[in-house]
PDB file of N, CA and C in Angstrom:
ATOM      1  N   MET A   1     -42.848 -75.732  73.721  1.00  0.00           N
ATOM      2  CA  MET A   1     -43.970 -74.371  73.324  1.00  0.00           C
ATOM      3  C   MET A   1     -43.828 -73.896  74.772  1.00  0.00           C
ATOM      4  N   GLU A   2     -44.327 -72.529  74.336  1.00  0.00           N
ATOM      5  CA  GLU A   2     -45.001 -71.872  76.565  1.00  0.00           C
ATOM      6  C   GLU A   2     -46.608 -71.498  75.866  1.00  0.00           C
ATOM      7  N   LEU A   3     -47.254 -71.808  77.015  1.00  0.00           N
ATOM      8  CA  LEU A   3     -48.345 -71.083  76.568  1.00  0.00           C
ATOM      9  C   LEU A   3     -48.858 -69.745  77.331  1.00  0.00           C
ATOM     10  N   ALA A   4     -48.733 -68.876  76.555  1.00  0.00           N
ATOM     11  CA  ALA A   4     -49.620 -68.056  77.326  1.00  0.00           C
ATOM     12  C   ALA A   4     -50.541 -67.610  78.624  1.00  0.00           C
ATOM     13  N   SER A   5     -49.985 -66.282  78.984  1.00  0.00           N
ATOM     14  CA  SER A   5     -50.545 -65.961  79.924  1.00  0.00           C
ATOM     15  C   SER A   5     -51.503 -65.222  79.768  1.00  0.00           C
ATOM     16  N   ILE A   6     -52.240 -64.258  80.370  1.00  0.00           N
ATOM     17  CA  ILE A   6     -52.969 -62.954  80.450  1.00  0.00           C
ATOM     18  C   ILE A   6     -52.721 -62.109  81.335  1.00  0.00           C
ATOM     19  N   LYS A   7     -52.703 -63.133  82.406  1.00  0.00           N
ATOM     20  CA  LYS A   7     -52.255 -61.662  83.540  1.00  0.00           C
ATOM     21  C   LYS A   7     -50.433 -61.626  83.534  1.00  0.00           C
ATOM     22  N   SER A   8     -50.327 -61.170  84.488  1.00  0.00           N
ATOM     23  CA  SER A   8     -48.613 -61.293  84.550  1.00  0.00           C
ATOM     24  C   SER A   8     -48.471 -62.481  85.681  1.00  0.00           C
ATOM     25  N   ASN A   9     -49.287 -62.320  86.535  1.00  0.00           N
ATOM     26  CA  ASN A   9     -48.757 -63.297  87.254  1.00  0.00           C
ATOM     27  C   ASN A   9     -49.083 -64.656  87.031  1.00  0.00           C
ATOM     28  N   GLY A  10     -49.791 -64.858  85.783  1.00  0.00           N
ATOM     29  CA  GLY A  10     -50.492 -66.595  85.494  1.00  0.00           C
ATOM     30  C   GLY A  10     -51.837 -66.268  85.781  1.00  0.00           C
ATOM     31  N   GLY A  11     -52.513 -65.984  86.512  1.00  0.00           N
ATOM     32  CA  GLY A  11     -53.589 -65.838  87.015  1.00  0.00           C
ATOM     33  C   GLY A  11     -54.212 -66.064  85.642  1.00  0.00           C
ATOM     34  N   ILE A  12     -55.863 -66.534  86.251  1.00  0.00           N
ATOM     35  CA  ILE A  12     -56.734 -66.369  84.968  1.00  0.00           C
ATOM     36  C   ILE A  12     -56.900 -65.224  84.612  1.00  0.00           C
ATOM     37  N   ALA A  13     -57.675 -64.717  83.758  1.00  0.00           N
ATOM     38  CA  ALA A  13     -58.366 -63.439  83.187  1.00  0.00           C
ATOM     39  C   ALA A  13     -59.584 -63.295  83.962  1.00  0.00           C
ATOM     40  N   ASP A  14     -60.018 -62.030  83.057  1.00  0.00           N
ATOM     41  CA  ASP A  14     -61.349 -61.441  84.545  1.00  0.00           C
ATOM     42  C   ASP A  14     -61.930 -61.278  82.617  1.00  0.00           C
ATOM     43  N   VAL A  15     -62.519 -62.710  82.860  1.00  0.00           N
ATOM     44  CA  VAL A  15     -63.817 -62.471  82.343  1.00  0.00           C
ATOM     45  C   VAL A  15     -65.435 -62.712  82.870  1.00  0.00           C
ATOM     46  N   VAL A  16     -66.144 -62.432  82.275  1.00  0.00           N
ATOM     47  CA  VAL A  16     -66.887 -62.637  82.605  1.00  0.00           C
ATOM     48  C   VAL A  16     -67.802 -64.112  82.307  1.00  0.00           C
ATOM     49  N   ILE A  17     -68.095 -64.954  83.469  1.00  0.00           N
ATOM     50  CA  ILE A  17     -68.772 -66.544  83.013  1.00  0.00           C
ATOM     51  C   ILE A  17     -69.962 -66.674  83.414  1.00  0.00           C
ATOM     52  N   GLU A  18     -71.176 -67.227  82.594  1.00  0.00           N
ATOM     53  CA  GLU A  18     -72.451 -67.785  83.113  1.00  0.00           C
ATOM     54  C   GLU A  18     -71.685 -68.848  83.091  1.00  0.00           C
ATOM     55  N   ASP A  19     -72.170 -69.369  84.483  1.00  0.00           N
ATOM     56  CA  ASP A  19     -71.976 -71.189  84.799  1.00  0.00           C
ATOM     57  C   ASP A  19     -72.748 -71.582  85.384  1.00  0.00           C
ATOM     58  N   ASN A  20     -73.024 -73.133  84.945  1.00  0.00           N
ATOM     59  CA  ASN A  20     -74.504 -73.516  85.448  1.00  0.00           C
ATOM     60  C   ASN A  20     -73.977 -74.655  86.946  1.00  0.00           C
ATOM     61  N   PRO A  21     -73.934 -74.644  87.981  1.00  0.00           N
ATOM     62  CA  PRO A  21     -73.115 -76.183  88.377  1.00  0.00           C
ATOM     63  C   PRO A  21     -73.996 -76.838  88.381  1.00  0.00           C
ATOM     64  N   GLU A  22     -75.511 -76.314  89.020  1.00  0.00           N
ATOM     65  CA  GLU A  22     -76.169 -77.729  88.958  1.00  0.00           C
ATOM     66  C   GLU A  22     -76.588 -78.235  87.317  1.00  0.00           C
ATOM     67  N   ALA A  23     -76.140 -77.969  86.009  1.00  0.00           N
ATOM     68  CA  ALA A  23     -75.930 -78.559  85.602  1.00  0.00           C
ATOM     69  C   ALA A  23     -75.542 -79.542  85.080  1.00  0.00           C
ATOM     70  N   ARG A  24     -74.134 -79.097  85.289  1.00  0.00           N
ATOM     71  CA  ARG A  24     -72.363 -79.505  85.480  1.00  0.00           C
ATOM     72  C   ARG A  24     -73.044 -81.286  86.764  1.00  0.00           C
ATOM     73  N   GLU A  25     -73.526 -80.910  87.813  1.00  0.00           N
ATOM     74  CA  GLU A  25     -73.418 -82.118  88.732  1.00  0.00           C
ATOM     75  C   GLU A  25     -74.498 -83.208  87.591  1.00  0.00           C
ATOM     76  N   LEU A  26     -75.958 -82.594  87.519  1.00  0.00           N
ATOM     77  CA  LEU A  26     -76.388 -83.232  86.582  1.00  0.00           C
ATOM     78  C   LEU A  26     -75.379 -84.209  85.750  1.00  0.00           C
ATOM     79  N   ALA A  27     -74.765 -83.693  84.434  1.00  0.00           N
ATOM     80  CA  ALA A  27     -74.383 -83.817  83.642  1.00  0.00           C
ATOM     81  C   ALA A  27     -73.271 -84.969  83.890  1.00  0.00           C
ATOM     82  N   ARG A  28     -72.790 -85.061  84.510  1.00  0.00           N
ATOM     83  CA  ARG A  28     -71.069 -86.072  85.409  1.00  0.00           C
ATOM     84  C   ARG A  28     -71.883 -86.789  85.018  1.00  0.00           C
ATOM     85  N   HIS A  29     -70.754 -88.080  84.614  1.00  0.00           N
ATOM     86  CA  HIS A  29     -70.763 -89.312  85.108  1.00  0.00           C
ATOM     87  C   HIS A  29     -70.200 -89.856  85.924  1.00  0.00           C
ATOM     88  N   ALA A  30     -70.569 -90.412  86.426  1.00  0.00           N
ATOM     89  CA  ALA A  30     -70.288 -91.597  87.596  1.00  0.00           C
ATOM     90  C   ALA A  30     -68.670 -91.456  87.852  1.00  0.00           C
ATOM     91  N   VAL A  31     -67.923 -91.539  89.077  1.00  0.00           N
ATOM     92  CA  VAL A  31     -66.059 -92.176  88.796  1.00  0.00           C
ATOM     93  C   VAL A  31     -66.108 -93.185  88.340  1.00  0.00           C
ATOM     94  N   GLY A  32     -65.358 -93.652  87.189  1.00  0.00           N
ATOM     95  CA  GLY A  32     -64.844 -94.815  86.784  1.00  0.00           C
ATOM     96  C   GLY A  32     -65.426 -95.037  85.344  1.00  0.00           C
ATOM     97  N   GLU A  33     -66.806 -94.072  84.793  1.00  0.00           N
ATOM     98  CA  GLU A  33     -67.215 -93.539  83.309  1.00  0.00           C
ATOM     99  C   GLU A  33     -66.354 -92.641  82.676  1.00  0.00           C
ATOM    100  N   TRP A  34     -66.633 -93.091  81.629  1.00  0.00           N
ATOM    101  CA  TRP A  34     -65.742 -91.435  80.570  1.00  0.00           C
ATOM    102  C   TRP A  34     -66.644 -90.057  80.074  1.00  0.00           C
ATOM    103  N   ASN A  35     -66.513 -89.147  81.174  1.00  0.00           N
ATOM    104  CA  ASN A  35     -67.266 -87.746  80.514  1.00  0.00           C
ATOM    105  C   ASN A  35     -67.126 -86.793  79.070  1.00  0.00           C
ATOM    106  N   GLU A  36     -67.548 -87.055  77.774  1.00  0.00           N
ATOM    107  CA  GLU A  36     -67.854 -86.689  76.994  1.00  0.00           C
ATOM    108  C   GLU A  36     -67.819 -84.600  76.609  1.00  0.00           C
ATOM    109  N   ILE A  37     -66.485 -84.090  76.490  1.00  0.00           N
ATOM    110  CA  ILE A  37     -66.620 -81.901  76.948  1.00  0.00           C
ATOM    111  C   ILE A  37     -66.361 -81.444  75.376  1.00  0.00           C
ATOM    112  N   GLU A  38     -66.997 -81.267  74.944  1.00  0.00           N
ATOM    113  CA  GLU A  38     -66.969 -79.939  73.669  1.00  0.00           C
ATOM    114  C   GLU A  38     -67.066 -78.721  74.313  1.00  0.00           C
ATOM    115  N   VAL A  39     -66.107 -78.417  74.006  1.00  0.00           N
ATOM    116  CA  VAL A  39     -65.590 -76.198  74.110  1.00  0.00           C
ATOM    117  C   VAL A  39     -65.688 -75.811  72.695  1.00  0.00           C
ATOM    118  N   ILE A  40     -66.654 -74.849  72.469  1.00  0.00           N
ATOM    119  CA  ILE A  40     -66.450 -74.438  71.489  1.00  0.00           C
ATOM    120  C   ILE A  40     -66.214 -72.872  71.570  1.00  0.00           C
ATOM    121  N   SER A  41     -65.116 -72.575  70.621  1.00  0.00           N
ATOM    122  CA  SER A  41     -64.880 -71.191  70.415  1.00  0.00           C
ATOM    123  C   SER A  41     -65.178 -70.657  69.501  1.00  0.00           C
ATOM    124  N   GLN A  42     -66.024 -69.084  69.511  1.00  0.00           N
ATOM    125  CA  GLN A  42     -66.638 -68.361  68.293  1.00  0.00           C
ATOM    126  C   GLN A  42     -66.934 -67.577  68.799  1.00  0.00           C
ATOM    127  N   ASP A  43     -66.338 -66.562  68.248  1.00  0.00           N
ATOM    128  CA  ASP A  43     -66.259 -64.781  68.169  1.00  0.00           C
ATOM    129  C   ASP A  43     -65.302 -64.467  69.344  1.00  0.00           C
ATOM    130  N   GLY A  44     -64.329 -65.210  69.732  1.00  0.00           N
ATOM    131  CA  GLY A  44     -64.139 -64.730  71.009  1.00  0.00           C
ATOM    132  C   GLY A  44     -65.011 -64.930  72.664  1.00  0.00           C
ATOM    133  N   SER A  45     -65.486 -65.861  72.211  1.00  0.00           N
ATOM    134  CA  SER A  45     -66.468 -66.548  73.248  1.00  0.00           C
ATOM    135  C   SER A  45     -66.130 -67.841  73.587  1.00  0.00           C
ATOM    136  N   LEU A  46     -65.920 -69.107  74.509  1.00  0.00           N
ATOM    137  CA  LEU A  46     -66.711 -70.010  74.410  1.00  0.00           C
ATOM    138  C   LEU A  46     -67.602 -70.242  75.291  1.00  0.00           C
ATOM    139  N   THR A  47     -67.768 -71.765  74.723  1.00  0.00           N
ATOM    140  CA  THR A  47     -69.356 -72.685  75.247  1.00  0.00           C
ATOM    141  C   THR A  47     -68.792 -73.261  75.481  1.00  0.00           C
ATOM    142  N   SER A  48     -69.144 -74.339  76.735  1.00  0.00           N
ATOM    143  CA  SER A  48     -68.841 -75.659  77.308  1.00  0.00           C
ATOM    144  C   SER A  48     -70.240 -76.714  77.494  1.00  0.00           C
ATOM    145  N   PHE A  49     -69.837 -77.487  76.491  1.00  0.00           N
ATOM    146  CA  PHE A  49     -70.799 -78.782  76.901  1.00  0.00           C
ATOM    147  C   PHE A  49     -70.321 -80.092  77.922  1.00  0.00           C
ATOM    148  N   LEU A  50     -71.172 -80.494  78.598  1.00  0.00           N
ATOM    149  CA  LEU A  50     -70.081 -82.217  79.576  1.00  0.00           C
ATOM    150  C   LEU A  50     -71.196 -82.647  79.367  1.00  0.00           C
ATOM    151  N   ASN A  51     -71.182 -83.789  78.246  1.00  0.00           N
ATOM    152  CA  ASN A  51     -71.700 -85.379  78.103  1.00  0.00           C
ATOM    153  C   ASN A  51     -73.487 -84.281  77.330  1.00  0.00           C
ATOM    154  N   GLY A  52     -73.196 -83.061  76.433  1.00  0.00           N
ATOM    155  CA  GLY A  52     -74.461 -82.858  75.866  1.00  0.00           C
ATOM    156  C   GLY A  52     -74.982 -81.562  76.131  1.00  0.00           C
ATOM    157  N   THR A  53     -74.999 -81.479  77.822  1.00  0.00           N
ATOM    158  CA  THR A  53     -75.386 -80.132  78.380  1.00  0.00           C
ATOM    159  C   THR A  53     -74.433 -79.425  78.283  1.00  0.00           C
ATOM    160  N   GLN A  54     -74.687 -78.194  78.340  1.00  0.00           N
ATOM    161  CA  GLN A  54     -74.428 -77.206  77.942  1.00  0.00           C
ATOM    162  C   GLN A  54     -73.928 -76.456  79.504  1.00  0.00           C
ATOM    163  N   ILE A  55     -73.104 -75.733  79.602  1.00  0.00           N
ATOM    164  CA  ILE A  55     -72.746 -76.254  81.908  1.00  0.00           C
ATOM    165  C   ILE A  55     -71.407 -74.726  81.356  1.00  0.00           C
ATOM    166  N   CYS A  56     -71.349 -73.833  80.702  1.00  0.00           N
ATOM    167  CA  CYS A  56     -70.871 -72.600  80.877  1.00  0.00           C
ATOM    168  C   CYS A  56     -70.601 -71.987  79.205  1.00  0.00           C
ATOM    169  N   LYS A  57     -70.700 -70.072  79.969  1.00  0.00           N
ATOM    170  CA  LYS A  57     -70.471 -69.885  78.504  1.00  0.00           C
ATOM    171  C   LYS A  57     -69.800 -68.400  79.026  1.00  0.00           C
ATOM    172  N   SER A  58     -68.400 -67.870  77.992  1.00  0.00           N
ATOM    173  CA  SER A  58     -67.706 -67.353  78.747  1.00  0.00           C
ATOM    174  C   SER A  58     -68.427 -66.091  77.929  1.00  0.00           C
ATOM    175  N   ALA A  59     -68.108 -64.485  78.191  1.00  0.00           N
ATOM    176  CA  ALA A  59     -68.377 -63.290  77.451  1.00  0.00           C
ATOM    177  C   ALA A  59     -67.447 -63.216  76.551  1.00  0.00           C
ATOM    178  N   PRO A  60     -67.235 -62.742  75.596  1.00  0.00           N
ATOM    179  CA  PRO A  60     -66.157 -62.683  74.678  1.00  0.00           C
ATOM    180  C   PRO A  60     -64.470 -62.255  75.272  1.00  0.00           C
ATOM    181  N   GLY A  61     -64.057 -62.769  74.718  1.00  0.00           N
ATOM    182  CA  GLY A  61     -62.545 -62.316  75.665  1.00  0.00           C
ATOM    183  C   GLY A  61     -61.240 -61.729  75.028  1.00  0.00           C
ATOM    184  N   GLU A  62     -60.480 -61.448  75.288  1.00  0.00           N
ATOM    185  CA  GLU A  62     -59.733 -60.506  74.291  1.00  0.00           C
ATOM    186  C   GLU A  62     -58.767 -61.702  73.732  1.00  0.00           C
ATOM    187  N   ARG A  63     -58.350 -62.682  73.709  1.00  0.00           N
ATOM    188  CA  ARG A  63     -57.291 -63.197  73.042  1.00  0.00           C
ATOM    189  C   ARG A  63     -58.676 -64.330  72.311  1.00  0.00           C
ATOM    190  N   ASN A  64     -58.478 -64.527  70.863  1.00  0.00           N
ATOM    191  CA  ASN A  64     -59.185 -65.053  69.784  1.00  0.00           C
ATOM    192  C   ASN A  64     -58.427 -66.393  69.453  1.00  0.00           C
ATOM    193  N   GLU A  65     -56.566 -66.137  69.181  1.00  0.00           N
ATOM    194  CA  GLU A  65     -55.944 -67.150  68.952  1.00  0.00           C
ATOM    195  C   GLU A  65     -55.069 -67.760  69.853  1.00  0.00           C
ATOM    196  N   GLY A  66     -54.616 -69.337  69.526  1.00  0.00           N
ATOM    197  CA  GLY A  66     -52.706 -70.031  70.321  1.00  0.00           C
ATOM    198  C   GLY A  66     -53.255 -70.818  70.594  1.00  0.00           C
ATOM    199  N   SER A  67     -52.521 -71.223  72.201  1.00  0.00           N
ATOM    200  CA  SER A  67     -51.792 -72.953  71.624  1.00  0.00           C
ATOM    201  C   SER A  67     -53.218 -73.154  72.538  1.00  0.00           C
ATOM    202  N   ILE A  68     -53.398 -74.579  72.802  1.00  0.00           N
ATOM    203  CA  ILE A  68     -54.853 -75.339  73.888  1.00  0.00           C
ATOM    204  C   ILE A  68     -54.150 -75.995  74.636  1.00  0.00           C
ATOM    205  N   GLY A  69     -54.064 -75.535  75.389  1.00  0.00           N
ATOM    206  CA  GLY A  69     -53.841 -76.689  77.106  1.00  0.00           C
ATOM    207  C   GLY A  69     -54.848 -77.225  77.993  1.00  0.00           C
ATOM    208  N   PHE A  70     -54.034 -78.581  78.569  1.00  0.00           N
ATOM    209  CA  PHE A  70     -54.648 -78.988  79.209  1.00  0.00           C
ATOM    210  C   PHE A  70     -54.438 -79.566  80.188  1.00  0.00           C
ATOM    211  N   GLN A  71     -55.394 -78.940  81.448  1.00  0.00           N
ATOM    212  CA  GLN A  71     -55.231 -78.970  83.068  1.00  0.00           C
ATOM    213  C   GLN A  71     -55.830 -79.489  83.375  1.00  0.00           C
ATOM    214  N   ALA A  72     -55.446 -80.053  84.983  1.00  0.00           N
ATOM    215  CA  ALA A  72     -56.201 -80.823  86.205  1.00  0.00           C
ATOM    216  C   ALA A  72     -55.291 -80.969  87.459  1.00  0.00           C
ATOM    217  N   GLU A  73     -56.110 -79.966  88.633  1.00  0.00           N
ATOM    218  CA  GLU A  73     -56.138 -79.963  89.522  1.00  0.00           C
ATOM    219  C   GLU A  73     -56.128 -80.802  91.029  1.00  0.00           C
ATOM    220  N   GLY A  74     -54.651 -81.294  90.299  1.00  0.00           N
ATOM    221  CA  GLY A  74     -54.841 -81.809  91.894  1.00  0.00           C
ATOM    222  C   GLY A  74     -55.257 -83.631  91.834  1.00  0.00           C
ATOM    223  N   PHE A  75     -55.958 -83.652  91.034  1.00  0.00           N
ATOM    224  CA  PHE A  75     -56.031 -85.473  90.666  1.00  0.00           C
ATOM    225  C   PHE A  75     -55.658 -85.644  89.304  1.00  0.00           C
ATOM    226  N   PRO A  76     -55.424 -87.334  89.085  1.00  0.00           N
ATOM    227  CA  PRO A  76     -55.632 -87.960  88.354  1.00  0.00           C
ATOM    228  C   PRO A  76     -56.654 -88.574  87.246  1.00  0.00           C
ATOM    229  N   LEU A  77     -56.023 -87.333  86.016  1.00  0.00           N
ATOM    230  CA  LEU A  77     -56.945 -87.379  84.368  1.00  0.00           C
ATOM    231  C   LEU A  77     -55.987 -87.842  83.577  1.00  0.00           C
ATOM    232  N   GLU A  78     -56.926 -88.879  82.886  1.00  0.00           N
ATOM    233  CA  GLU A  78     -57.199 -88.982  81.344  1.00  0.00           C
ATOM    234  C   GLU A  78     -57.346 -88.565  80.486  1.00  0.00           C
ATOM    235  N   PHE A  79     -56.811 -88.527  79.059  1.00  0.00           N
ATOM    236  CA  PHE A  79     -57.266 -88.216  78.021  1.00  0.00           C
ATOM    237  C   PHE A  79     -58.050 -89.022  76.956  1.00  0.00           C
ATOM    238  N   ARG A  80     -59.279 -88.798  76.426  1.00  0.00           N
ATOM    239  CA  ARG A  80     -58.857 -89.856  74.616  1.00  0.00           C
ATOM    240  C   ARG A  80     -59.825 -89.867  73.705  1.00  0.00           C
ATOM    241  N   ARG A  81     -59.679 -89.429  72.443  1.00  0.00           N
ATOM    242  CA  ARG A  81     -60.182 -89.547  71.299  1.00  0.00           C
ATOM    243  C   ARG A  81     -60.329 -87.471  71.730  1.00  0.00           C
ATOM    244  N   ILE A  82     -59.225 -87.475  71.569  1.00  0.00           N
ATOM    245  CA  ILE A  82     -59.647 -85.331  71.501  1.00  0.00           C
ATOM    246  C   ILE A  82     -59.126 -85.164  70.015  1.00  0.00           C
ATOM    247  N   ARG A  83     -60.069 -84.552  70.053  1.00  0.00           N
ATOM    248  CA  ARG A  83     -60.217 -84.262  68.282  1.00  0.00           C
ATOM    249  C   ARG A  83     -60.345 -82.074  68.411  1.00  0.00           C
ATOM    250  N   ILE A  84     -59.501 -81.601  67.448  1.00  0.00           N
ATOM    251  CA  ILE A  84     -60.038 -80.575  67.386  1.00  0.00           C
ATOM    252  C   ILE A  84     -60.195 -79.645  65.311  1.00  0.00           C
ATOM    253  N   ALA A  85     -61.030 -79.406  65.577  1.00  0.00           N
ATOM    254  CA  ALA A  85     -62.223 -79.266  64.129  1.00  0.00           C
ATOM    255  C   ALA A  85     -62.036 -78.294  64.211  1.00  0.00           C
ATOM    256  N   GLU A  86     -62.050 -77.872  62.768  1.00  0.00           N
ATOM    257  CA  GLU A  86     -62.522 -75.915  62.416  1.00  0.00           C
ATOM    258  C   GLU A  86     -63.962 -76.316  61.418  1.00  0.00           C
ATOM    259  N   LYS A  87     -64.802 -75.531  61.688  1.00  0.00           N
ATOM    260  CA  LYS A  87     -66.242 -75.424  61.005  1.00  0.00           C
ATOM    261  C   LYS A  87     -65.952 -74.294  60.253  1.00  0.00           C
TER     262      LYS A  87
END
Protein backbone atom coordinates (compact mmCIF):
# COMPACT_ATOMS: atom_id res chain seq x y z
CA MET A 1 0.00 0.00 0.00
CA GLU A 2 1.27 3.48 -0.80
CA LEU A 3 0.16 6.52 1.19
CA ALA A 4 -0.77 9.61 -0.79
CA SER A 5 1.27 12.78 -0.68
CA ILE A 6 -0.60 16.02 -0.99
CA LYS A 7 2.40 17.95 -2.34
CA SER A 8 4.54 16.64 -5.16
CA ASN A 9 7.65 16.73 -2.94
CA GLY A 10 5.94 14.70 -0.22
CA GLY A 11 5.76 17.65 2.17
CA ILE A 12 2.86 18.56 4.36
CA ALA A 13 -0.16 20.27 2.92
CA ASP A 14 -0.92 23.96 3.31
CA VAL A 15 -3.71 23.53 5.84
CA VAL A 16 -4.76 26.19 8.34
CA ILE A 17 -4.40 24.76 11.85
CA GLU A 18 -5.50 26.22 15.18
CA ASP A 19 -2.83 24.83 17.52
CA ASN A 20 -2.66 25.11 21.32
CA PRO A 21 0.88 24.19 22.47
CA GLU A 22 0.13 25.18 26.07
CA ALA A 23 -2.85 22.80 26.26
CA ARG A 24 -0.70 20.08 24.67
CA GLU A 25 2.00 20.45 27.34
CA LEU A 26 -0.53 20.49 30.20
CA ALA A 27 -2.36 17.40 28.86
CA ARG A 28 0.76 15.33 28.09
CA HIS A 29 1.53 12.50 30.52
CA ALA A 30 5.02 11.90 31.89
CA VAL A 31 7.53 9.73 30.02
CA GLY A 32 6.71 6.08 30.67
CA GLU A 33 2.95 6.69 30.96
CA TRP A 34 0.52 6.10 28.10
CA ASN A 35 -1.13 9.06 26.38
CA GLU A 36 -4.53 8.75 24.71
CA ILE A 37 -4.98 10.49 21.38
CA GLU A 38 -8.35 10.87 19.67
CA VAL A 39 -8.65 12.34 16.17
CA ILE A 40 -12.07 13.19 14.78
CA SER A 41 -12.51 13.72 11.05
CA GLN A 42 -15.65 15.61 10.14
CA ASP A 43 -16.49 17.48 6.94
CA GLY A 44 -12.83 17.59 5.85
CA SER A 45 -11.61 19.00 9.18
CA LEU A 46 -9.51 17.17 11.79
CA THR A 47 -9.81 17.82 15.54
CA SER A 48 -7.19 16.28 17.83
CA PHE A 49 -7.52 15.55 21.54
CA LEU A 50 -4.70 14.52 23.90
CA ASN A 51 -5.92 12.81 27.08
CA GLY A 52 -9.36 14.40 26.59
CA THR A 53 -8.07 17.94 25.95
CA GLN A 54 -8.52 19.53 22.51
CA ILE A 55 -5.03 20.46 21.30
CA CYS A 56 -5.58 21.41 17.65
CA LYS A 57 -8.11 21.68 14.85
CA SER A 58 -7.61 22.07 11.12
CA ALA A 59 -9.64 23.97 8.60
CA PRO A 60 -11.24 21.64 6.05
CA GLY A 61 -8.66 20.17 3.67
CA GLU A 62 -8.95 18.98 0.11
CA ARG A 63 -8.88 15.27 1.05
CA ASN A 64 -11.67 13.60 2.98
CA GLU A 65 -10.88 9.93 2.44
CA GLY A 66 -7.89 7.65 2.08
CA SER A 67 -5.42 5.58 4.07
CA ILE A 68 -4.44 6.27 7.67
CA GLY A 69 -0.73 6.37 8.48
CA PHE A 70 1.15 6.53 11.78
CA GLN A 71 4.40 8.45 11.96
CA ALA A 72 7.16 9.04 14.50
CA GLU A 73 9.98 11.49 13.93
CA GLY A 74 13.24 10.44 15.57
CA PHE A 75 11.94 8.93 18.80
CA PRO A 76 10.85 5.41 19.79
CA LEU A 77 7.07 5.14 19.76
CA GLU A 78 4.63 2.38 20.68
CA PHE A 79 0.95 2.05 19.82
CA ARG A 80 -1.73 0.01 21.56
CA ARG A 81 -5.50 -0.35 21.39
CA ILE A 82 -5.93 1.37 18.04
CA ARG A 83 -9.60 1.72 17.13
CA ILE A 84 -11.14 3.20 14.03
CA ALA A 85 -14.86 3.90 14.22
CA GLU A 86 -17.52 5.50 12.11
CA LYS A 87 -20.26 7.44 13.85
